[in-house]
Amino acid sequence: MTLQPAPAPRISLMALADLRDALTALELGQAPTAITALMAIDAESWRAVEQRLAAVGGDLRTLLGRAGNGFNPLA
């Protein structure tokens, strides 16, 4: 029996829209709206986003900070 590697987590279309909304809200200085959008992202999509960011040498904290001109809701 050959073990197959677990499939990589996928980012749902809804999570992509939520992430886009969060980044847009941060850019506009609307932190509560950004946090609401981030909290709507499902767990599998979170894992997928984190993996993709790590693959390019980044992390969510850095991405959010850049989008919000230094604002970091995770600090």
Protein backbone atom coordinates (compact mmCIF):
# COMPACT_ATOMS: atom_id res chain seq x y z
CA MET A 1 0.00 0.00 0.00
CA THR A 2 1.43 3.36 -1.05
CA LEU A 3 0.59 6.36 1.07
CA GLN A 4 -0.47 9.37 -0.91
CA PRO A 5 0.63 12.79 0.35
CA ALA A 6 -2.16 14.87 1.80
CA PRO A 7 -3.51 17.30 -0.76
CA ALA A 8 -2.43 20.88 -0.27
CA PRO A 9 -5.11 23.02 1.38
CA ARG A 10 -7.10 25.08 -1.06
CA ILE A 11 -8.20 28.69 -0.85
CA SER A 12 -11.94 28.95 -1.42
CA LEU A 13 -13.32 31.65 -3.69
CA MET A 14 -15.17 33.12 -0.72
CA ALA A 15 -11.93 33.30 1.27
CA LEU A 16 -10.20 35.07 -1.62
CA ALA A 17 -12.98 37.64 -1.66
CA ASP A 18 -12.74 38.03 2.13
CA LEU A 19 -8.97 38.51 1.94
CA ARG A 20 -9.35 41.07 -0.83
CA ASP A 21 -11.99 42.91 1.21
CA ALA A 22 -9.71 42.89 4.27
CA LEU A 23 -6.76 44.31 2.34
CA THR A 24 -8.96 46.97 0.73
CA ALA A 25 -10.43 47.93 4.10
CA LEU A 26 -6.95 48.26 5.63
CA GLU A 27 -5.85 50.42 2.73
CA LEU A 28 -8.85 52.68 3.42
CA GLY A 29 -8.12 52.80 7.15
CA GLN A 30 -11.18 50.72 8.08
CA ALA A 31 -9.63 48.34 10.61
CA PRO A 32 -12.89 46.91 12.06
CA THR A 33 -14.10 46.02 8.57
CA ALA A 34 -10.75 44.40 7.79
CA ILE A 35 -10.83 42.32 10.94
CA THR A 36 -14.39 41.19 10.21
CA ALA A 37 -13.37 40.07 6.72
CA LEU A 38 -10.33 38.17 8.05
CA MET A 39 -12.42 36.39 10.67
CA ALA A 40 -14.79 35.14 7.96
CA ILE A 41 -12.04 33.06 6.30
CA ASP A 42 -12.41 29.31 6.83
CA ALA A 43 -9.65 27.23 8.46
CA GLU A 44 -8.53 25.34 5.34
CA SER A 45 -8.22 28.58 3.38
CA TRP A 46 -6.19 30.11 6.24
CA ARG A 47 -3.75 27.21 6.04
CA ALA A 48 -3.49 27.60 2.28
CA VAL A 49 -2.87 31.34 2.50
CA GLU A 50 -0.18 30.83 5.15
CA GLN A 51 1.52 28.13 3.05
CA ARG A 52 1.56 30.30 -0.05
CA LEU A 53 2.89 33.31 1.80
CA ALA A 54 5.60 31.18 3.41
CA ALA A 55 6.57 29.81 -0.01
CA VAL A 56 7.42 33.34 -1.18
CA GLY A 57 9.14 34.26 2.06
CA GLY A 58 6.35 36.31 3.61
CA ASP A 59 3.73 36.07 6.28
CA LEU A 60 0.26 37.41 6.94
CA ARG A 61 1.48 39.99 9.47
CA THR A 62 3.80 41.56 6.86
CA LEU A 63 1.11 41.51 4.17
CA LEU A 64 -1.41 43.20 6.45
CA GLY A 65 1.14 45.76 7.58
CA ARG A 66 1.95 46.70 4.01
CA ALA A 67 -1.72 46.92 3.06
CA GLY A 68 -2.54 49.12 6.03
CA ASN A 69 0.47 51.43 5.81
CA GLY A 70 1.90 50.04 9.01
CA PHE A 71 -1.36 49.12 10.76
CA ASN A 72 -1.15 45.61 12.16
CA PRO A 73 -4.31 44.18 13.72
CA LEU A 74 -2.31 41.19 14.98
CA ALA A 75 0.12 43.24 17.08
